Amino acid sequence: MKKSFCFTLISFLVSAFSGFAQSGTDLWVISTSGKGGKLKLLTESAHTLTDRPEYDNQPNFINEYQLVFSAADENGNHDIIVYNFESDKFTNLSKTSDRSEFSPSITDCGMYIAALVMEADKKQRIWLYPTSFEPAELLYDDIEPVGYYDWYDNKAAMFVLGEPNKLVYARGRNDLVEIDSAIDRTIKKRPKTSEITYISEPSEGQAGIIKSYDIENGNREVYLTGVLGSHDFIWLDKNHLLMASGNEIFIRKYNSPEWKSLGEINSDTHENITRMAYSEDLNVLVVAMNRK
């Protein structure tokens, strides 16, 4: 295991990265008003940020005006792209022909964009890309394959693919706390808490359950049932979550009895919202949608 720079990692995997490139996806931008439980979507403002046959997906805000995402080129190779809302410009943070980068996000210290990398030998590991555009560094050399991730306290939790799969939190080398094994695609730190939240692996015809594990005290909570058919959620703040089904977006307070619709994105060209990213500073929601 290499030095941890300023953090470690939280991650999870449900499918091989090669599967990501098989369907075209684009990013859409939707203006919002209000905050938290009073959030409103201005659905009439919805428009494409990207519009290509290739894969543009996995958006994450890295500061108040920049977004990162994974984008495939015409050869199916994936790079990290930075979009600046102020300048309306796209910039390649990576441009590599021997590997593909997925699921970019800012590290806790703000000095690196982390990404899951499909390397030339098919290993799937975390690499760190300095925001100064210096050469990337491998984070862990002995933990793979890994998938999606998030951060807590400059340390990491990982979903490690195996028999069985394991979601673990890395307190240090050879010091892994097992959180769960039967989990679905999304793992998110709950804002302003020490909780790692995730969706349990759903039974056939059932929605997954959003659960929590508190890193500091080991407490476990079962918060709520997700939206049927959805594998992705985000926290707006400490108390409110978003999920989507088809082109419709829903909000729910973590201890509320039901999901509330915020509206539907009308499109003749795109369908099925998956991953989302929200900026309270910009009052925008970015969503990934499949091309029809």
C-alpha atoms as a PDB file:
ATOM      1  CA  MET A   1       0.000   0.000   0.000  1.00  0.00           C
ATOM      2  CA  LYS A   2       1.403   3.380  -0.969  1.00  0.00           C
ATOM      3  CA  LYS A   3       1.422   6.400   1.309  1.00  0.00           C
ATOM      4  CA  SER A   4      -2.070   7.803   1.656  1.00  0.00           C
ATOM      5  CA  PHE A   5      -1.167  11.390   0.691  1.00  0.00           C
ATOM      6  CA  CYS A   6      -4.018  13.160   2.459  1.00  0.00           C
ATOM      7  CA  PHE A   7      -6.719  10.533   2.570  1.00  0.00           C
ATOM      8  CA  THR A   8      -7.845   7.026   1.832  1.00  0.00           C
ATOM      9  CA  LEU A   9     -10.828   5.717  -0.049  1.00  0.00           C
ATOM     10  CA  ILE A  10     -14.399   4.480   0.017  1.00  0.00           C
ATOM     11  CA  SER A  11     -15.485   2.427  -2.933  1.00  0.00           C
ATOM     12  CA  PHE A  12     -17.749  -0.182  -4.400  1.00  0.00           C
ATOM     13  CA  LEU A  13     -18.213  -2.283  -7.523  1.00  0.00           C
ATOM     14  CA  VAL A  14     -21.204  -3.926  -9.187  1.00  0.00           C
ATOM     15  CA  SER A  15     -20.048  -4.399 -12.770  1.00  0.00           C
ATOM     16  CA  ALA A  16     -16.873  -4.393 -14.799  1.00  0.00           C
ATOM     17  CA  PHE A  17     -15.829  -1.028 -16.171  1.00  0.00           C
ATOM     18  CA  SER A  18     -16.069  -2.448 -19.682  1.00  0.00           C
ATOM     19  CA  GLY A  19     -19.839  -2.431 -19.267  1.00  0.00           C
ATOM     20  CA  PHE A  20     -19.932   1.344 -18.845  1.00  0.00           C
ATOM     21  CA  ALA A  21     -19.017   2.015 -22.462  1.00  0.00           C
ATOM     22  CA  GLN A  22     -21.813  -0.030 -24.005  1.00  0.00           C
ATOM     23  CA  SER A  23     -24.516   2.632 -23.850  1.00  0.00           C
ATOM     24  CA  GLY A  24     -24.354   6.307 -24.713  1.00  0.00           C
ATOM     25  CA  THR A  25     -25.119   8.668 -21.840  1.00  0.00           C
ATOM     26  CA  ASP A  26     -25.154  12.447 -21.597  1.00  0.00           C
ATOM     27  CA  LEU A  27     -25.161  14.990 -18.791  1.00  0.00           C
ATOM     28  CA  TRP A  28     -28.108  17.330 -18.343  1.00  0.00           C
ATOM     29  CA  VAL A  29     -28.255  20.519 -16.255  1.00  0.00           C
ATOM     30  CA  ILE A  30     -31.390  21.549 -14.362  1.00  0.00           C
ATOM     31  CA  SER A  31     -31.707  24.857 -12.516  1.00  0.00           C
ATOM     32  CA  THR A  32     -33.055  24.727  -8.957  1.00  0.00           C
ATOM     33  CA  SER A  33     -34.476  27.082  -6.361  1.00  0.00           C
ATOM     34  CA  GLY A  34     -34.779  26.711  -2.626  1.00  0.00           C
ATOM     35  CA  LYS A  35     -32.629  24.555  -0.373  1.00  0.00           C
ATOM     36  CA  GLY A  36     -32.949  21.224   1.392  1.00  0.00           C
ATOM     37  CA  GLY A  37     -36.531  20.104   1.846  1.00  0.00           C
ATOM     38  CA  LYS A  38     -37.741  23.208  -0.009  1.00  0.00           C
ATOM     39  CA  LEU A  39     -35.756  22.418  -3.140  1.00  0.00           C
ATOM     40  CA  LYS A  40     -37.610  22.910  -6.405  1.00  0.00           C
ATOM     41  CA  LEU A  41     -36.563  21.811  -9.867  1.00  0.00           C
ATOM     42  CA  LEU A  42     -37.073  24.296 -12.667  1.00  0.00           C
ATOM     43  CA  THR A  43     -37.712  21.487 -15.123  1.00  0.00           C
ATOM     44  CA  GLU A  44     -38.307  23.850 -18.031  1.00  0.00           C
ATOM     45  CA  SER A  45     -34.638  24.870 -17.763  1.00  0.00           C
ATOM     46  CA  ALA A  46     -33.333  21.329 -18.359  1.00  0.00           C
ATOM     47  CA  HIS A  47     -30.788  21.140 -21.168  1.00  0.00           C
ATOM     48  CA  THR A  48     -27.893  18.979 -22.289  1.00  0.00           C
ATOM     49  CA  LEU A  49     -24.400  19.742 -21.064  1.00  0.00           C
ATOM     50  CA  THR A  50     -22.968  17.021 -23.306  1.00  0.00           C
ATOM     51  CA  ASP A  51     -24.536  15.626 -26.447  1.00  0.00           C
ATOM     52  CA  ARG A  52     -22.436  12.845 -28.025  1.00  0.00           C
ATOM     53  CA  PRO A  53     -22.960   9.181 -28.929  1.00  0.00           C
ATOM     54  CA  GLU A  54     -20.225   8.239 -26.439  1.00  0.00           C
ATOM     55  CA  TYR A  55     -20.351   7.834 -22.652  1.00  0.00           C
ATOM     56  CA  ASP A  56     -20.432  11.027 -20.527  1.00  0.00           C
ATOM     57  CA  ASN A  57     -21.343  10.093 -16.963  1.00  0.00           C
ATOM     58  CA  GLN A  58     -20.469   9.963 -13.258  1.00  0.00           C
ATOM     59  CA  PRO A  59     -20.589  13.725 -12.508  1.00  0.00           C
ATOM     60  CA  ASN A  60     -19.186  15.191  -9.301  1.00  0.00           C
ATOM     61  CA  PHE A  61     -18.722  18.796  -8.245  1.00  0.00           C
ATOM     62  CA  ILE A  62     -15.190  19.559  -7.053  1.00  0.00           C
ATOM     63  CA  ASN A  63     -15.805  23.176  -6.006  1.00  0.00           C
ATOM     64  CA  GLU A  64     -18.453  25.869  -6.353  1.00  0.00           C
ATOM     65  CA  TYR A  65     -18.106  26.189 -10.141  1.00  0.00           C
ATOM     66  CA  GLN A  66     -16.344  23.101 -11.540  1.00  0.00           C
ATOM     67  CA  LEU A  67     -17.663  19.645 -12.348  1.00  0.00           C
ATOM     68  CA  VAL A  68     -15.692  16.506 -13.186  1.00  0.00           C
ATOM     69  CA  PHE A  69     -16.979  13.477 -15.068  1.00  0.00           C
ATOM     70  CA  SER A  70     -15.833  10.415 -17.002  1.00  0.00           C
ATOM     71  CA  ALA A  71     -16.011  10.673 -20.796  1.00  0.00           C
ATOM     72  CA  ALA A  72     -15.307   8.089 -23.486  1.00  0.00           C
ATOM     73  CA  ASP A  73     -13.635   8.938 -26.780  1.00  0.00           C
ATOM     74  CA  GLU A  74     -14.509   7.401 -30.138  1.00  0.00           C
ATOM     75  CA  ASN A  75     -12.232   4.443 -29.351  1.00  0.00           C
ATOM     76  CA  GLY A  76     -13.982   3.675 -26.070  1.00  0.00           C
ATOM     77  CA  ASN A  77     -11.177   4.996 -23.875  1.00  0.00           C
ATOM     78  CA  HIS A  78     -12.353   6.992 -20.827  1.00  0.00           C
ATOM     79  CA  ASP A  79     -10.735  10.182 -19.527  1.00  0.00           C
ATOM     80  CA  ILE A  80     -11.450  12.678 -16.757  1.00  0.00           C
ATOM     81  CA  ILE A  81     -13.041  15.902 -17.997  1.00  0.00           C
ATOM     82  CA  VAL A  82     -13.400  19.129 -16.011  1.00  0.00           C
ATOM     83  CA  TYR A  83     -16.244  21.482 -16.901  1.00  0.00           C
ATOM     84  CA  ASN A  84     -16.141  25.102 -15.699  1.00  0.00           C
ATOM     85  CA  PHE A  85     -19.582  26.659 -15.295  1.00  0.00           C
ATOM     86  CA  GLU A  86     -18.119  30.181 -15.202  1.00  0.00           C
ATOM     87  CA  SER A  87     -16.166  29.952 -18.446  1.00  0.00           C
ATOM     88  CA  ASP A  88     -18.351  27.296 -20.118  1.00  0.00           C
ATOM     89  CA  LYS A  89     -15.223  25.325 -21.038  1.00  0.00           C
ATOM     90  CA  PHE A  90     -14.259  21.650 -20.968  1.00  0.00           C
ATOM     91  CA  THR A  91     -10.705  20.605 -20.072  1.00  0.00           C
ATOM     92  CA  ASN A  92      -9.057  17.189 -20.086  1.00  0.00           C
ATOM     93  CA  LEU A  93      -7.550  16.427 -16.679  1.00  0.00           C
ATOM     94  CA  SER A  94      -6.388  13.118 -18.128  1.00  0.00           C
ATOM     95  CA  LYS A  95      -5.788  11.932 -21.681  1.00  0.00           C
ATOM     96  CA  THR A  96      -4.425   8.402 -21.510  1.00  0.00           C
ATOM     97  CA  SER A  97      -4.387   5.787 -24.250  1.00  0.00           C
ATOM     98  CA  ASP A  98      -3.313   2.834 -22.084  1.00  0.00           C
ATOM     99  CA  ARG A  99      -5.992   3.084 -19.376  1.00  0.00           C
ATOM    100  CA  SER A 100      -9.490   4.371 -18.670  1.00  0.00           C
ATOM    101  CA  GLU A 101     -10.569   6.578 -15.775  1.00  0.00           C
ATOM    102  CA  PHE A 102     -13.961   6.398 -14.093  1.00  0.00           C
ATOM    103  CA  SER A 103     -15.814   7.950 -11.129  1.00  0.00           C
ATOM    104  CA  PRO A 104     -13.675  11.066 -10.591  1.00  0.00           C
ATOM    105  CA  SER A 105     -14.092  13.038  -7.366  1.00  0.00           C
ATOM    106  CA  ILE A 106     -12.192  15.563  -5.279  1.00  0.00           C
ATOM    107  CA  THR A 107     -10.192  14.252  -2.340  1.00  0.00           C
ATOM    108  CA  ASP A 108     -10.744  15.534   1.182  1.00  0.00           C
ATOM    109  CA  CYS A 109      -7.642  17.713   1.044  1.00  0.00           C
ATOM    110  CA  GLY A 110      -8.669  19.230  -2.289  1.00  0.00           C
ATOM    111  CA  MET A 111      -5.281  18.630  -3.919  1.00  0.00           C
ATOM    112  CA  TYR A 112      -6.203  15.648  -6.088  1.00  0.00           C
ATOM    113  CA  ILE A 113      -8.928  14.291  -8.302  1.00  0.00           C
ATOM    114  CA  ALA A 114      -9.217  10.604  -7.511  1.00  0.00           C
ATOM    115  CA  ALA A 115     -10.383   8.167 -10.164  1.00  0.00           C
ATOM    116  CA  LEU A 116     -10.973   4.473 -10.567  1.00  0.00           C
ATOM    117  CA  VAL A 117      -8.626   3.302 -13.294  1.00  0.00           C
ATOM    118  CA  MET A 118      -8.914   0.304 -15.574  1.00  0.00           C
ATOM    119  CA  GLU A 119      -5.243  -0.304 -16.202  1.00  0.00           C
ATOM    120  CA  ALA A 120      -3.671  -1.967 -19.226  1.00  0.00           C
ATOM    121  CA  ASP A 121      -3.493  -5.306 -17.382  1.00  0.00           C
ATOM    122  CA  LYS A 122      -7.184  -4.946 -16.390  1.00  0.00           C
ATOM    123  CA  LYS A 123      -6.469  -4.176 -12.743  1.00  0.00           C
ATOM    124  CA  GLN A 124      -8.982  -1.728 -11.264  1.00  0.00           C
ATOM    125  CA  ARG A 125      -7.305   0.564  -8.753  1.00  0.00           C
ATOM    126  CA  ILE A 126      -7.465   4.101  -7.401  1.00  0.00           C
ATOM    127  CA  TRP A 127      -5.166   6.711  -8.902  1.00  0.00           C
ATOM    128  CA  LEU A 128      -4.696  10.336  -7.834  1.00  0.00           C
ATOM    129  CA  TYR A 129      -4.535  13.137 -10.379  1.00  0.00           C
ATOM    130  CA  PRO A 130      -3.086  16.373  -8.948  1.00  0.00           C
ATOM    131  CA  THR A 131      -5.186  19.430  -9.667  1.00  0.00           C
ATOM    132  CA  SER A 132      -1.867  21.037 -10.671  1.00  0.00           C
ATOM    133  CA  PHE A 133      -1.832  18.634 -13.671  1.00  0.00           C
ATOM    134  CA  GLU A 134       1.319  16.869 -12.468  1.00  0.00           C
ATOM    135  CA  PRO A 135       1.686  13.101 -13.143  1.00  0.00           C
ATOM    136  CA  ALA A 136      -0.851  10.805 -11.505  1.00  0.00           C
ATOM    137  CA  GLU A 137       0.054   8.594  -8.531  1.00  0.00           C
ATOM    138  CA  LEU A 138      -1.268   5.162  -7.598  1.00  0.00           C
ATOM    139  CA  LEU A 139      -3.003   5.237  -4.217  1.00  0.00           C
ATOM    140  CA  TYR A 140      -3.187   1.554  -3.309  1.00  0.00           C
ATOM    141  CA  ASP A 141      -1.047  -1.040  -5.027  1.00  0.00           C
ATOM    142  CA  ASP A 142      -2.404  -4.013  -3.080  1.00  0.00           C
ATOM    143  CA  ILE A 143      -6.191  -3.477  -3.087  1.00  0.00           C
ATOM    144  CA  GLU A 144      -8.157  -4.331  -6.213  1.00  0.00           C
ATOM    145  CA  PRO A 145     -10.571  -4.534  -7.873  1.00  0.00           C
ATOM    146  CA  VAL A 146     -12.379  -1.512  -6.459  1.00  0.00           C
ATOM    147  CA  GLY A 147     -15.372   0.517  -7.628  1.00  0.00           C
ATOM    148  CA  TYR A 148     -17.185   3.726  -6.667  1.00  0.00           C
ATOM    149  CA  TYR A 149     -16.057   5.595  -3.611  1.00  0.00           C
ATOM    150  CA  ASP A 150     -16.425   8.533  -1.235  1.00  0.00           C
ATOM    151  CA  TRP A 151     -14.353   9.997   1.600  1.00  0.00           C
ATOM    152  CA  TYR A 152     -14.420  10.266   5.370  1.00  0.00           C
ATOM    153  CA  ASP A 153     -11.772  11.708   7.700  1.00  0.00           C
ATOM    154  CA  ASN A 154      -8.955  11.352   5.170  1.00  0.00           C
ATOM    155  CA  LYS A 155      -9.417   7.617   5.308  1.00  0.00           C
ATOM    156  CA  ALA A 156     -11.194   5.206   3.062  1.00  0.00           C
ATOM    157  CA  ALA A 157     -13.838   2.568   2.823  1.00  0.00           C
ATOM    158  CA  MET A 158     -13.902   0.140  -0.099  1.00  0.00           C
ATOM    159  CA  PHE A 159     -16.188  -2.316  -1.736  1.00  0.00           C
ATOM    160  CA  VAL A 160     -13.754  -5.040  -2.722  1.00  0.00           C
ATOM    161  CA  LEU A 161     -15.018  -7.497  -5.301  1.00  0.00           C
ATOM    162  CA  GLY A 162     -14.594 -11.092  -4.200  1.00  0.00           C
ATOM    163  CA  GLU A 163     -16.285 -14.145  -2.730  1.00  0.00           C
ATOM    164  CA  PRO A 164     -18.128 -12.557  -1.052  1.00  0.00           C
ATOM    165  CA  ASN A 165     -17.967  -8.892  -1.994  1.00  0.00           C
ATOM    166  CA  LYS A 166     -17.064  -6.701   0.974  1.00  0.00           C
ATOM    167  CA  LEU A 167     -17.652  -3.077   1.863  1.00  0.00           C
ATOM    168  CA  VAL A 168     -14.872  -2.157   4.282  1.00  0.00           C
ATOM    169  CA  TYR A 169     -13.459   0.944   5.932  1.00  0.00           C
ATOM    170  CA  ALA A 170      -9.671   1.248   5.962  1.00  0.00           C
ATOM    171  CA  ARG A 171      -8.412   2.627   9.250  1.00  0.00           C
ATOM    172  CA  GLY A 172      -4.897   1.702   8.167  1.00  0.00           C
ATOM    173  CA  ARG A 173      -2.874  -1.039   6.559  1.00  0.00           C
ATOM    174  CA  ASN A 174      -4.184  -4.422   7.679  1.00  0.00           C
ATOM    175  CA  ASP A 175      -6.818  -2.605   9.742  1.00  0.00           C
ATOM    176  CA  LEU A 176     -10.069  -2.948   7.800  1.00  0.00           C
ATOM    177  CA  VAL A 177     -13.502  -2.660   9.381  1.00  0.00           C
ATOM    178  CA  GLU A 178     -16.093  -4.733   7.530  1.00  0.00           C
ATOM    179  CA  ILE A 179     -19.321  -2.801   6.991  1.00  0.00           C
ATOM    180  CA  ASP A 180     -21.460  -5.036   4.789  1.00  0.00           C
ATOM    181  CA  SER A 181     -21.407  -7.375   1.830  1.00  0.00           C
ATOM    182  CA  ALA A 182     -24.880  -7.326   0.253  1.00  0.00           C
ATOM    183  CA  ILE A 183     -24.845  -3.822  -1.224  1.00  0.00           C
ATOM    184  CA  ASP A 184     -25.930  -2.103  -4.423  1.00  0.00           C
ATOM    185  CA  ARG A 185     -24.158   0.543  -6.494  1.00  0.00           C
ATOM    186  CA  THR A 186     -24.189   3.804  -4.508  1.00  0.00           C
ATOM    187  CA  ILE A 187     -22.140   4.630  -1.416  1.00  0.00           C
ATOM    188  CA  LYS A 188     -22.182   8.168  -0.003  1.00  0.00           C
ATOM    189  CA  LYS A 189     -20.936   9.866   3.131  1.00  0.00           C
ATOM    190  CA  ARG A 190     -23.820  11.580   4.865  1.00  0.00           C
ATOM    191  CA  PRO A 191     -22.918  15.303   5.086  1.00  0.00           C
ATOM    192  CA  LYS A 192     -21.775  16.670   8.454  1.00  0.00           C
ATOM    193  CA  THR A 193     -21.748  13.209  10.030  1.00  0.00           C
ATOM    194  CA  SER A 194     -19.359  10.278  10.367  1.00  0.00           C
ATOM    195  CA  GLU A 195     -21.819   7.986   8.591  1.00  0.00           C
ATOM    196  CA  ILE A 196     -21.242   5.960   5.448  1.00  0.00           C
ATOM    197  CA  THR A 197     -24.569   5.345   3.718  1.00  0.00           C
ATOM    198  CA  TYR A 198     -25.329   2.836   0.996  1.00  0.00           C
ATOM    199  CA  ILE A 199     -28.125   0.876  -0.676  1.00  0.00           C
ATOM    200  CA  SER A 200     -28.561  -2.757   0.228  1.00  0.00           C
ATOM    201  CA  GLU A 201     -28.685  -5.240  -2.624  1.00  0.00           C
ATOM    202  CA  PRO A 202     -32.392  -5.436  -3.547  1.00  0.00           C
ATOM    203  CA  SER A 203     -34.376  -8.630  -3.876  1.00  0.00           C
ATOM    204  CA  GLU A 204     -36.043  -9.253  -7.221  1.00  0.00           C
ATOM    205  CA  GLY A 205     -38.929  -6.847  -7.694  1.00  0.00           C
ATOM    206  CA  GLN A 206     -38.067  -4.936  -4.526  1.00  0.00           C
ATOM    207  CA  ALA A 207     -36.399  -1.577  -3.886  1.00  0.00           C
ATOM    208  CA  GLY A 208     -33.083  -1.437  -2.093  1.00  0.00           C
ATOM    209  CA  ILE A 209     -32.869  -0.179   1.493  1.00  0.00           C
ATOM    210  CA  ILE A 210     -30.702   2.810   2.349  1.00  0.00           C
ATOM    211  CA  LYS A 211     -28.571   1.968   5.368  1.00  0.00           C
ATOM    212  CA  SER A 212     -25.938   3.720   7.440  1.00  0.00           C
ATOM    213  CA  TYR A 213     -22.765   2.748   9.288  1.00  0.00           C
ATOM    214  CA  ASP A 214     -21.237   5.268  11.685  1.00  0.00           C
ATOM    215  CA  ILE A 215     -17.446   5.121  11.438  1.00  0.00           C
ATOM    216  CA  GLU A 216     -16.914   6.740  14.830  1.00  0.00           C
ATOM    217  CA  ASN A 217     -19.147   4.607  17.038  1.00  0.00           C
ATOM    218  CA  GLY A 218     -20.037   1.598  14.906  1.00  0.00           C
ATOM    219  CA  ASN A 219     -23.774   2.248  15.064  1.00  0.00           C
ATOM    220  CA  ARG A 220     -25.903   0.886  12.243  1.00  0.00           C
ATOM    221  CA  GLU A 221     -29.168   2.405  11.037  1.00  0.00           C
ATOM    222  CA  VAL A 222     -31.818   1.447   8.499  1.00  0.00           C
ATOM    223  CA  TYR A 223     -33.130   4.737   7.134  1.00  0.00           C
ATOM    224  CA  LEU A 224     -35.584   4.188   4.321  1.00  0.00           C
ATOM    225  CA  THR A 225     -36.641   2.221   1.282  1.00  0.00           C
ATOM    226  CA  GLY A 226     -35.256   3.538  -1.976  1.00  0.00           C
ATOM    227  CA  VAL A 227     -37.158   4.237  -5.174  1.00  0.00           C
ATOM    228  CA  LEU A 228     -38.014   1.008  -6.978  1.00  0.00           C
ATOM    229  CA  GLY A 229     -35.608   0.309  -9.825  1.00  0.00           C
ATOM    230  CA  SER A 230     -33.118   3.008  -8.814  1.00  0.00           C
ATOM    231  CA  HIS A 231     -29.507   2.236  -7.909  1.00  0.00           C
ATOM    232  CA  ASP A 232     -28.323   5.803  -7.253  1.00  0.00           C
ATOM    233  CA  PHE A 233     -28.910   8.451  -4.600  1.00  0.00           C
ATOM    234  CA  ILE A 234     -27.278  11.653  -3.415  1.00  0.00           C
ATOM    235  CA  TRP A 235     -27.567  13.714  -0.236  1.00  0.00           C
ATOM    236  CA  LEU A 236     -28.639  17.324  -0.698  1.00  0.00           C
ATOM    237  CA  ASP A 237     -27.662  18.071   2.885  1.00  0.00           C
ATOM    238  CA  LYS A 238     -27.573  16.186   6.177  1.00  0.00           C
ATOM    239  CA  ASN A 239     -31.280  15.364   6.057  1.00  0.00           C
ATOM    240  CA  HIS A 240     -32.517  15.136   2.467  1.00  0.00           C
ATOM    241  CA  LEU A 241     -31.847  12.706  -0.363  1.00  0.00           C
ATOM    242  CA  LEU A 242     -32.598  12.574  -4.076  1.00  0.00           C
ATOM    243  CA  MET A 243     -33.327   9.510  -6.205  1.00  0.00           C
ATOM    244  CA  ALA A 244     -34.795   9.103  -9.683  1.00  0.00           C
ATOM    245  CA  SER A 245     -36.973   6.672 -11.596  1.00  0.00           C
ATOM    246  CA  GLY A 246     -37.201   6.987 -15.351  1.00  0.00           C
ATOM    247  CA  ASN A 247     -37.097  10.734 -16.030  1.00  0.00           C
ATOM    248  CA  GLU A 248     -38.696  11.659 -12.682  1.00  0.00           C
ATOM    249  CA  ILE A 249     -36.733  12.925  -9.677  1.00  0.00           C
ATOM    250  CA  PHE A 250     -37.803  12.397  -6.063  1.00  0.00           C
ATOM    251  CA  ILE A 251     -36.845  13.932  -2.711  1.00  0.00           C
ATOM    252  CA  ARG A 252     -37.198  12.498   0.770  1.00  0.00           C
ATOM    253  CA  LYS A 253     -36.160  13.380   4.277  1.00  0.00           C
ATOM    254  CA  TYR A 254     -34.172  10.510   5.745  1.00  0.00           C
ATOM    255  CA  ASN A 255     -36.819   9.868   8.436  1.00  0.00           C
ATOM    256  CA  SER A 256     -39.867  10.724   6.307  1.00  0.00           C
ATOM    257  CA  PRO A 257     -42.440   8.032   5.399  1.00  0.00           C
ATOM    258  CA  GLU A 258     -42.452   8.635   1.634  1.00  0.00           C
ATOM    259  CA  TRP A 259     -40.724  10.050  -1.439  1.00  0.00           C
ATOM    260  CA  LYS A 260     -42.061  13.264  -3.019  1.00  0.00           C
ATOM    261  CA  SER A 261     -41.821  13.981  -6.738  1.00  0.00           C
ATOM    262  CA  LEU A 262     -39.898  17.105  -7.749  1.00  0.00           C
ATOM    263  CA  GLY A 263     -40.852  16.811 -11.392  1.00  0.00           C
ATOM    264  CA  GLU A 264     -40.007  15.049 -14.611  1.00  0.00           C
ATOM    265  CA  ILE A 265     -37.526  15.886 -17.371  1.00  0.00           C
ATOM    266  CA  ASN A 266     -39.276  15.844 -20.741  1.00  0.00           C
ATOM    267  CA  SER A 267     -37.032  14.671 -23.560  1.00  0.00           C
ATOM    268  CA  ASP A 268     -37.498  13.050 -26.967  1.00  0.00           C
ATOM    269  CA  THR A 269     -33.853  11.970 -27.036  1.00  0.00           C
ATOM    270  CA  HIS A 270     -32.931  10.837 -23.502  1.00  0.00           C
ATOM    271  CA  GLU A 271     -34.401   8.666 -20.772  1.00  0.00           C
ATOM    272  CA  ASN A 272     -33.693   7.018 -17.420  1.00  0.00           C
ATOM    273  CA  ILE A 273     -31.824   9.291 -15.008  1.00  0.00           C
ATOM    274  CA  THR A 274     -29.039   7.540 -13.104  1.00  0.00           C
ATOM    275  CA  ARG A 275     -26.209   9.395 -11.380  1.00  0.00           C
ATOM    276  CA  MET A 276     -26.678  12.936 -10.072  1.00  0.00           C
ATOM    277  CA  ALA A 277     -24.595  15.793  -8.688  1.00  0.00           C
ATOM    278  CA  TYR A 278     -25.926  18.875  -6.907  1.00  0.00           C
ATOM    279  CA  SER A 279     -24.363  22.297  -6.374  1.00  0.00           C
ATOM    280  CA  GLU A 280     -25.996  24.479  -3.745  1.00  0.00           C
ATOM    281  CA  ASP A 281     -23.717  27.361  -4.774  1.00  0.00           C
ATOM    282  CA  LEU A 282     -24.757  27.249  -8.430  1.00  0.00           C
ATOM    283  CA  ASN A 283     -28.346  26.156  -7.770  1.00  0.00           C
ATOM    284  CA  VAL A 284     -28.064  23.394 -10.353  1.00  0.00           C
ATOM    285  CA  LEU A 285     -28.596  19.677 -10.478  1.00  0.00           C
ATOM    286  CA  VAL A 286     -26.587  17.667 -13.012  1.00  0.00           C
ATOM    287  CA  VAL A 287     -27.959  14.268 -14.024  1.00  0.00           C
ATOM    288  CA  ALA A 288     -26.813  11.506 -16.353  1.00  0.00           C
ATOM    289  CA  MET A 289     -29.381  10.201 -18.828  1.00  0.00           C
ATOM    290  CA  ASN A 290     -29.298   7.413 -21.385  1.00  0.00           C
ATOM    291  CA  ARG A 291     -29.604   8.218 -25.051  1.00  0.00           C
ATOM    292  CA  LYS A 292     -32.684   6.651 -26.633  1.00  0.00           C
END
